[in-house]
Amino acid sequence: QGNASGVAQNSNFMPYGGGTRLCAGSELAKLEMAIFLHHLVLNFRWELAEPDQAFVYPFVDFPKGLPIRVHRIAQEEEGEE
């Protein structure tokens, strides 16, 4: 499809979805999440705050939102062995 100037026009609008309108910050968001998870796994431990049962249709979800308690792992002083 073109117009009088011969330039093709596309009427499909895909915000943050892909193509020419791909979200500029999507890769930064992925990097920030990876760094967050790295520090969470290395520096904290967590446990369920209350029991929650998952259901898997049409996607995995938890009725209570899977509440957790997070505890910081004590860091040893540098230089001590």
PDB file of N, CA and C in Angstrom:
ATOM      1  N   GLN A   1       0.843  -1.168   0.000  1.00  0.00           N
ATOM      2  CA  GLN A   1       0.000   0.000   0.000  1.00  0.00           C
ATOM      3  C   GLN A   1       0.889   1.232   0.000  1.00  0.00           C
ATOM      4  N   GLY A   2       0.589   2.149  -0.832  1.00  0.00           N
ATOM      5  CA  GLY A   2       1.377   3.367  -0.902  1.00  0.00           C
ATOM      6  C   GLY A   2       0.486   4.581  -0.957  1.00  0.00           C
ATOM      7  N   ASN A   3       1.101   5.725  -0.930  1.00  0.00           N
ATOM      8  CA  ASN A   3       0.344   6.958  -1.073  1.00  0.00           C
ATOM      9  C   ASN A   3       0.852   7.698  -2.301  1.00  0.00           C
ATOM     10  N   ALA A   4       0.426   8.917  -2.492  1.00  0.00           N
ATOM     11  CA  ALA A   4       0.786   9.670  -3.693  1.00  0.00           C
ATOM     12  C   ALA A   4       2.295   9.867  -3.810  1.00  0.00           C
ATOM     13  N   SER A   5       3.019   9.919  -2.676  1.00  0.00           N
ATOM     14  CA  SER A   5       4.463  10.131  -2.730  1.00  0.00           C
ATOM     15  C   SER A   5       5.238   8.838  -2.942  1.00  0.00           C
ATOM     16  N   GLY A   6       4.523   7.702  -2.989  1.00  0.00           N
ATOM     17  CA  GLY A   6       5.174   6.423  -3.223  1.00  0.00           C
ATOM     18  C   GLY A   6       5.737   5.789  -1.958  1.00  0.00           C
ATOM     19  N   VAL A   7       5.478   6.360  -0.777  1.00  0.00           N
ATOM     20  CA  VAL A   7       5.977   5.823   0.486  1.00  0.00           C
ATOM     21  C   VAL A   7       4.964   4.825   1.022  1.00  0.00           C
ATOM     22  N   ALA A   8       5.444   3.642   1.383  1.00  0.00           N
ATOM     23  CA  ALA A   8       4.546   2.619   1.930  1.00  0.00           C
ATOM     24  C   ALA A   8       4.066   3.038   3.309  1.00  0.00           C
ATOM     25  N   GLN A   9       2.813   2.770   3.582  1.00  0.00           N
ATOM     26  CA  GLN A   9       2.232   3.107   4.880  1.00  0.00           C
ATOM     27  C   GLN A   9       1.694   1.837   5.519  1.00  0.00           C
ATOM     28  N   ASN A  10       1.910   1.714   6.812  1.00  0.00           N
ATOM     29  CA  ASN A  10       1.418   0.570   7.560  1.00  0.00           C
ATOM     30  C   ASN A  10       0.532   1.098   8.675  1.00  0.00           C
ATOM     31  N   SER A  11      -0.691   0.636   8.734  1.00  0.00           N
ATOM     32  CA  SER A  11      -1.625   1.134   9.741  1.00  0.00           C
ATOM     33  C   SER A  11      -1.618   0.287  11.004  1.00  0.00           C
ATOM     34  N   ASN A  12      -0.785  -0.769  11.073  1.00  0.00           N
ATOM     35  CA  ASN A  12      -0.722  -1.600  12.269  1.00  0.00           C
ATOM     36  C   ASN A  12       0.054  -0.878  13.353  1.00  0.00           C
ATOM     37  N   PHE A  13      -0.527  -0.760  14.537  1.00  0.00           N
ATOM     38  CA  PHE A  13       0.112  -0.087  15.664  1.00  0.00           C
ATOM     39  C   PHE A  13       0.459  -1.125  16.718  1.00  0.00           C
ATOM     40  N   MET A  14       1.746  -1.251  17.037  1.00  0.00           N
ATOM     41  CA  MET A  14       2.205  -2.238  18.011  1.00  0.00           C
ATOM     42  C   MET A  14       3.083  -1.539  19.047  1.00  0.00           C
ATOM     43  N   PRO A  15       2.499  -0.834  20.027  1.00  0.00           N
ATOM     44  CA  PRO A  15       3.344  -0.142  21.006  1.00  0.00           C
ATOM     45  C   PRO A  15       4.137  -1.135  21.842  1.00  0.00           C
ATOM     46  N   TYR A  16       5.426  -0.924  21.981  1.00  0.00           N
ATOM     47  CA  TYR A  16       6.340  -1.752  22.753  1.00  0.00           C
ATOM     48  C   TYR A  16       6.362  -3.204  22.303  1.00  0.00           C
ATOM     49  N   GLY A  17       5.805  -3.495  21.161  1.00  0.00           N
ATOM     50  CA  GLY A  17       5.675  -4.883  20.765  1.00  0.00           C
ATOM     51  C   GLY A  17       6.799  -5.394  19.904  1.00  0.00           C
ATOM     52  N   GLY A  18       7.247  -4.641  18.964  1.00  0.00           N
ATOM     53  CA  GLY A  18       8.288  -5.124  18.076  1.00  0.00           C
ATOM     54  C   GLY A  18       8.321  -4.281  16.816  1.00  0.00           C
ATOM     55  N   GLY A  19       9.153  -4.662  15.924  1.00  0.00           N
ATOM     56  CA  GLY A  19       9.261  -3.929  14.672  1.00  0.00           C
ATOM     57  C   GLY A  19       9.850  -2.544  14.891  1.00  0.00           C
ATOM     58  N   THR A  20       9.351  -1.588  14.148  1.00  0.00           N
ATOM     59  CA  THR A  20       9.893  -0.232  14.225  1.00  0.00           C
ATOM     60  C   THR A  20       9.522   0.469  15.525  1.00  0.00           C
ATOM     61  N   ARG A  21       8.568  -0.066  16.268  1.00  0.00           N
ATOM     62  CA  ARG A  21       8.150   0.570  17.518  1.00  0.00           C
ATOM     63  C   ARG A  21       8.592  -0.233  18.747  1.00  0.00           C
ATOM     64  N   LEU A  22       9.692  -0.949  18.631  1.00  0.00           N
ATOM     65  CA  LEU A  22      10.211  -1.737  19.741  1.00  0.00           C
ATOM     66  C   LEU A  22      10.593  -0.809  20.889  1.00  0.00           C
ATOM     67  N   CYS A  23      10.237  -1.181  22.110  1.00  0.00           N
ATOM     68  CA  CYS A  23      10.507  -0.369  23.293  1.00  0.00           C
ATOM     69  C   CYS A  23      12.015  -0.163  23.446  1.00  0.00           C
ATOM     70  N   ALA A  24      12.440   1.076  23.518  1.00  0.00           N
ATOM     71  CA  ALA A  24      13.864   1.391  23.624  1.00  0.00           C
ATOM     72  C   ALA A  24      14.461   0.918  24.944  1.00  0.00           C
ATOM     73  N   GLY A  25      13.661   0.808  25.992  1.00  0.00           N
ATOM     74  CA  GLY A  25      14.177   0.427  27.300  1.00  0.00           C
ATOM     75  C   GLY A  25      14.027  -1.040  27.644  1.00  0.00           C
ATOM     76  N   SER A  26      13.566  -1.860  26.713  1.00  0.00           N
ATOM     77  CA  SER A  26      13.309  -3.266  27.046  1.00  0.00           C
ATOM     78  C   SER A  26      14.582  -4.010  27.439  1.00  0.00           C
ATOM     79  N   GLU A  27      15.681  -3.781  26.768  1.00  0.00           N
ATOM     80  CA  GLU A  27      16.933  -4.462  27.099  1.00  0.00           C
ATOM     81  C   GLU A  27      17.483  -3.974  28.434  1.00  0.00           C
ATOM     82  N   LEU A  28      17.344  -2.687  28.731  1.00  0.00           N
ATOM     83  CA  LEU A  28      17.773  -2.153  30.021  1.00  0.00           C
ATOM     84  C   LEU A  28      16.942  -2.769  31.146  1.00  0.00           C
ATOM     85  N   ALA A  29      15.648  -2.901  30.935  1.00  0.00           N
ATOM     86  CA  ALA A  29      14.778  -3.513  31.942  1.00  0.00           C
ATOM     87  C   ALA A  29      15.178  -4.961  32.204  1.00  0.00           C
ATOM     88  N   LYS A  30      15.521  -5.705  31.163  1.00  0.00           N
ATOM     89  CA  LYS A  30      15.962  -7.094  31.333  1.00  0.00           C
ATOM     90  C   LYS A  30      17.272  -7.160  32.123  1.00  0.00           C
ATOM     91  N   LEU A  31      18.199  -6.259  31.830  1.00  0.00           N
ATOM     92  CA  LEU A  31      19.471  -6.218  32.542  1.00  0.00           C
ATOM     93  C   LEU A  31      19.253  -5.880  34.010  1.00  0.00           C
ATOM     94  N   GLU A  32      18.411  -4.884  34.296  1.00  0.00           N
ATOM     95  CA  GLU A  32      18.135  -4.510  35.678  1.00  0.00           C
ATOM     96  C   GLU A  32      17.497  -5.663  36.451  1.00  0.00           C
ATOM     97  N   MET A  33      16.604  -6.403  35.828  1.00  0.00           N
ATOM     98  CA  MET A  33      15.973  -7.540  36.488  1.00  0.00           C
ATOM     99  C   MET A  33      16.997  -8.640  36.759  1.00  0.00           C
ATOM    100  N   ALA A  34      17.910  -8.888  35.833  1.00  0.00           N
ATOM    101  CA  ALA A  34      18.944  -9.903  36.035  1.00  0.00           C
ATOM    102  C   ALA A  34      19.857  -9.526  37.199  1.00  0.00           C
ATOM    103  N   ILE A  35      20.224  -8.251  37.310  1.00  0.00           N
ATOM    104  CA  ILE A  35      21.076  -7.791  38.408  1.00  0.00           C
ATOM    105  C   ILE A  35      20.336  -7.911  39.738  1.00  0.00           C
ATOM    106  N   PHE A  36      19.063  -7.528  39.761  1.00  0.00           N
ATOM    107  CA  PHE A  36      18.249  -7.643  40.969  1.00  0.00           C
ATOM    108  C   PHE A  36      18.179  -9.095  41.435  1.00  0.00           C
ATOM    109  N   LEU A  37      17.878 -10.016  40.527  1.00  0.00           N
ATOM    110  CA  LEU A  37      17.775 -11.429  40.886  1.00  0.00           C
ATOM    111  C   LEU A  37      19.112 -11.988  41.362  1.00  0.00           C
ATOM    112  N   HIS A  38      20.204 -11.557  40.749  1.00  0.00           N
ATOM    113  CA  HIS A  38      21.543 -11.981  41.157  1.00  0.00           C
ATOM    114  C   HIS A  38      21.779 -11.632  42.624  1.00  0.00           C
ATOM    115  N   HIS A  39      21.516 -10.383  42.998  1.00  0.00           N
ATOM    116  CA  HIS A  39      21.733  -9.956  44.378  1.00  0.00           C
ATOM    117  C   HIS A  39      20.732 -10.591  45.338  1.00  0.00           C
ATOM    118  N   LEU A  40      19.504 -10.795  44.903  1.00  0.00           N
ATOM    119  CA  LEU A  40      18.506 -11.437  45.738  1.00  0.00           C
ATOM    120  C   LEU A  40      18.926 -12.864  46.083  1.00  0.00           C
ATOM    121  N   VAL A  41      19.398 -13.601  45.102  1.00  0.00           N
ATOM    122  CA  VAL A  41      19.782 -14.992  45.318  1.00  0.00           C
ATOM    123  C   VAL A  41      21.043 -15.094  46.181  1.00  0.00           C
ATOM    124  N   LEU A  42      22.015 -14.203  45.980  1.00  0.00           N
ATOM    125  CA  LEU A  42      23.273 -14.301  46.718  1.00  0.00           C
ATOM    126  C   LEU A  42      23.203 -13.732  48.136  1.00  0.00           C
ATOM    127  N   ASN A  43      22.380 -12.722  48.383  1.00  0.00           N
ATOM    128  CA  ASN A  43      22.413 -12.004  49.646  1.00  0.00           C
ATOM    129  C   ASN A  43      21.196 -12.186  50.539  1.00  0.00           C
ATOM    130  N   PHE A  44      20.193 -12.908  50.075  1.00  0.00           N
ATOM    131  CA  PHE A  44      18.974 -13.062  50.859  1.00  0.00           C
ATOM    132  C   PHE A  44      18.488 -14.503  50.799  1.00  0.00           C
ATOM    133  N   ARG A  45      17.720 -14.880  51.801  1.00  0.00           N
ATOM    134  CA  ARG A  45      16.990 -16.139  51.744  1.00  0.00           C
ATOM    135  C   ARG A  45      15.526 -15.786  51.950  1.00  0.00           C
ATOM    136  N   TRP A  46      14.650 -16.607  51.435  1.00  0.00           N
ATOM    137  CA  TRP A  46      13.235 -16.322  51.570  1.00  0.00           C
ATOM    138  C   TRP A  46      12.472 -17.592  51.861  1.00  0.00           C
ATOM    139  N   GLU A  47      11.285 -17.404  52.456  1.00  0.00           N
ATOM    140  CA  GLU A  47      10.413 -18.516  52.805  1.00  0.00           C
ATOM    141  C   GLU A  47       8.974 -18.066  52.570  1.00  0.00           C
ATOM    142  N   LEU A  48       8.095 -19.016  52.408  1.00  0.00           N
ATOM    143  CA  LEU A  48       6.684 -18.689  52.226  1.00  0.00           C
ATOM    144  C   LEU A  48       6.135 -18.059  53.498  1.00  0.00           C
ATOM    145  N   ALA A  49       5.427 -16.969  53.370  1.00  0.00           N
ATOM    146  CA  ALA A  49       4.801 -16.317  54.516  1.00  0.00           C
ATOM    147  C   ALA A  49       3.556 -17.080  54.941  1.00  0.00           C
ATOM    148  N   GLU A  50       2.878 -17.668  53.992  1.00  0.00           N
ATOM    149  CA  GLU A  50       1.702 -18.497  54.258  1.00  0.00           C
ATOM    150  C   GLU A  50       1.533 -19.461  53.097  1.00  0.00           C
ATOM    151  N   PRO A  51       0.931 -20.612  53.337  1.00  0.00           N
ATOM    152  CA  PRO A  51       0.754 -21.589  52.251  1.00  0.00           C
ATOM    153  C   PRO A  51      -0.087 -21.013  51.108  1.00  0.00           C
ATOM    154  N   ASP A  52       0.285 -21.375  49.912  1.00  0.00           N
ATOM    155  CA  ASP A  52      -0.451 -20.926  48.732  1.00  0.00           C
ATOM    156  C   ASP A  52      -0.397 -22.043  47.697  1.00  0.00           C
ATOM    157  N   GLN A  53      -1.486 -22.307  47.034  1.00  0.00           N
ATOM    158  CA  GLN A  53      -1.568 -23.382  46.057  1.00  0.00           C
ATOM    159  C   GLN A  53      -1.633 -22.792  44.651  1.00  0.00           C
ATOM    160  N   ALA A  54      -0.739 -23.205  43.775  1.00  0.00           N
ATOM    161  CA  ALA A  54      -0.713 -22.705  42.406  1.00  0.00           C
ATOM    162  C   ALA A  54      -1.803 -23.356  41.573  1.00  0.00           C
ATOM    163  N   PHE A  55      -2.317 -22.607  40.604  1.00  0.00           N
ATOM    164  CA  PHE A  55      -3.135 -23.207  39.558  1.00  0.00           C
ATOM    165  C   PHE A  55      -2.508 -22.821  38.237  1.00  0.00           C
ATOM    166  N   VAL A  56      -2.648 -23.689  37.230  1.00  0.00           N
ATOM    167  CA  VAL A  56      -1.853 -23.539  36.020  1.00  0.00           C
ATOM    168  C   VAL A  56      -2.645 -23.270  34.745  1.00  0.00           C
ATOM    169  N   TYR A  57      -3.910 -22.994  34.851  1.00  0.00           N
ATOM    170  CA  TYR A  57      -4.648 -22.742  33.610  1.00  0.00           C
ATOM    171  C   TYR A  57      -5.303 -21.384  33.664  1.00  0.00           C
ATOM    172  N   PRO A  58      -5.165 -20.521  32.737  1.00  0.00           N
ATOM    173  CA  PRO A  58      -4.419 -20.641  31.473  1.00  0.00           C
ATOM    174  C   PRO A  58      -2.937 -20.327  31.621  1.00  0.00           C
ATOM    175  N   PHE A  59      -2.504 -19.886  32.803  1.00  0.00           N
ATOM    176  CA  PHE A  59      -1.101 -19.634  33.075  1.00  0.00           C
ATOM    177  C   PHE A  59      -0.875 -19.895  34.564  1.00  0.00           C
ATOM    178  N   VAL A  60       0.379 -20.017  34.987  1.00  0.00           N
ATOM    179  CA  VAL A  60       0.672 -20.266  36.396  1.00  0.00           C
ATOM    180  C   VAL A  60       0.338 -19.017  37.202  1.00  0.00           C
ATOM    181  N   ASP A  61      -0.450 -19.201  38.251  1.00  0.00           N
ATOM    182  CA  ASP A  61      -0.828 -18.085  39.111  1.00  0.00           C
ATOM    183  C   ASP A  61      -1.053 -18.611  40.523  1.00  0.00           C
ATOM    184  N   PHE A  62      -0.973 -17.723  41.487  1.00  0.00           N
ATOM    185  CA  PHE A  62      -1.200 -18.068  42.883  1.00  0.00           C
ATOM    186  C   PHE A  62      -2.332 -17.192  43.410  1.00  0.00           C
ATOM    187  N   PRO A  63      -3.370 -17.792  43.996  1.00  0.00           N
ATOM    188  CA  PRO A  63      -4.517 -17.008  44.464  1.00  0.00           C
ATOM    189  C   PRO A  63      -4.141 -15.914  45.452  1.00  0.00           C
ATOM    190  N   LYS A  64      -3.161 -16.180  46.327  1.00  0.00           N
ATOM    191  CA  LYS A  64      -2.757 -15.189  47.336  1.00  0.00           C
ATOM    192  C   LYS A  64      -1.567 -14.346  46.879  1.00  0.00           C
ATOM    193  N   GLY A  65      -1.081 -14.585  45.675  1.00  0.00           N
ATOM    194  CA  GLY A  65       0.065 -13.831  45.166  1.00  0.00           C
ATOM    195  C   GLY A  65       1.411 -14.375  45.611  1.00  0.00           C
ATOM    196  N   LEU A  66       1.441 -15.555  46.256  1.00  0.00           N
ATOM    197  CA  LEU A  66       2.644 -16.204  46.760  1.00  0.00           C
ATOM    198  C   LEU A  66       3.446 -15.273  47.682  1.00  0.00           C
ATOM    199  N   PRO A  67       2.871 -14.881  48.820  1.00  0.00           N
ATOM    200  CA  PRO A  67       3.587 -13.981  49.740  1.00  0.00           C
ATOM    201  C   PRO A  67       4.812 -14.668  50.342  1.00  0.00           C
ATOM    202  N   ILE A  68       5.918 -13.935  50.448  1.00  0.00           N
ATOM    203  CA  ILE A  68       7.157 -14.481  50.999  1.00  0.00           C
ATOM    204  C   ILE A  68       7.719 -13.551  52.068  1.00  0.00           C
ATOM    205  N   ARG A  69       8.557 -14.110  52.933  1.00  0.00           N
ATOM    206  CA  ARG A  69       9.350 -13.335  53.892  1.00  0.00           C
ATOM    207  C   ARG A  69      10.792 -13.384  53.399  1.00  0.00           C
ATOM    208  N   VAL A  70      11.448 -12.241  53.395  1.00  0.00           N
ATOM    209  CA  VAL A  70      12.825 -12.149  52.912  1.00  0.00           C
ATOM    210  C   VAL A  70      13.726 -11.786  54.085  1.00  0.00           C
ATOM    211  N   HIS A  71      14.842 -12.512  54.231  1.00  0.00           N
ATOM    212  CA  HIS A  71      15.794 -12.272  55.304  1.00  0.00           C
ATOM    213  C   HIS A  71      17.174 -12.077  54.695  1.00  0.00           C
ATOM    214  N   ARG A  72      17.869 -11.029  55.127  1.00  0.00           N
ATOM    215  CA  ARG A  72      19.218 -10.786  54.634  1.00  0.00           C
ATOM    216  C   ARG A  72      20.168 -11.802  55.254  1.00  0.00           C
ATOM    217  N   ILE A  73      21.063 -12.341  54.445  1.00  0.00           N
ATOM    218  CA  ILE A  73      22.083 -13.263  54.919  1.00  0.00           C
ATOM    219  C   ILE A  73      23.208 -12.431  55.515  1.00  0.00           C
ATOM    220  N   ALA A  74      23.627 -12.753  56.745  1.00  0.00           N
ATOM    221  CA  ALA A  74      24.702 -11.995  57.406  1.00  0.00           C
ATOM    222  C   ALA A  74      25.989 -12.116  56.603  1.00  0.00           C
ATOM    223  N   GLN A  75      26.621 -10.991  56.360  1.00  0.00           N
ATOM    224  CA  GLN A  75      27.878 -10.968  55.626  1.00  0.00           C
ATOM    225  C   GLN A  75      29.039 -11.042  56.611  1.00  0.00           C
ATOM    226  N   GLU A  76      30.054 -11.868  56.305  1.00  0.00           N
ATOM    227  CA  GLU A  76      31.232 -11.967  57.154  1.00  0.00           C
ATOM    228  C   GLU A  76      32.097 -10.745  56.938  1.00  0.00           C
ATOM    229  N   GLU A  77      32.813 -10.351  57.993  1.00  0.00           N
ATOM    230  CA  GLU A  77      33.733  -9.219  57.892  1.00  0.00           C
ATOM    231  C   GLU A  77      34.850  -9.570  56.912  1.00  0.00           C
ATOM    232  N   GLU A  78      35.274  -8.592  56.109  1.00  0.00           N
ATOM    233  CA  GLU A  78      36.372  -8.849  55.184  1.00  0.00           C
ATOM    234  C   GLU A  78      37.662  -9.022  55.954  1.00  0.00           C
ATOM    235  N   GLY A  79      38.499  -9.944  55.544  1.00  0.00           N
ATOM    236  CA  GLY A  79      39.775 -10.179  56.180  1.00  0.00           C
ATOM    237  C   GLY A  79      39.748 -11.246  57.244  1.00  0.00           C
ATOM    238  N   GLU A  80      38.557 -11.644  57.719  1.00  0.00           N
ATOM    239  CA  GLU A  80      38.464 -12.715  58.703  1.00  0.00           C
ATOM    240  C   GLU A  80      38.475 -14.058  57.995  1.00  0.00           C
ATOM    241  N   GLU A  81      39.104 -15.043  58.597  1.00  0.00           N
ATOM    242  CA  GLU A  81      39.127 -16.376  58.004  1.00  0.00           C
ATOM    243  C   GLU A  81      38.620 -17.382  58.992  1.00  0.00           C
TER     244      GLU A  81
END
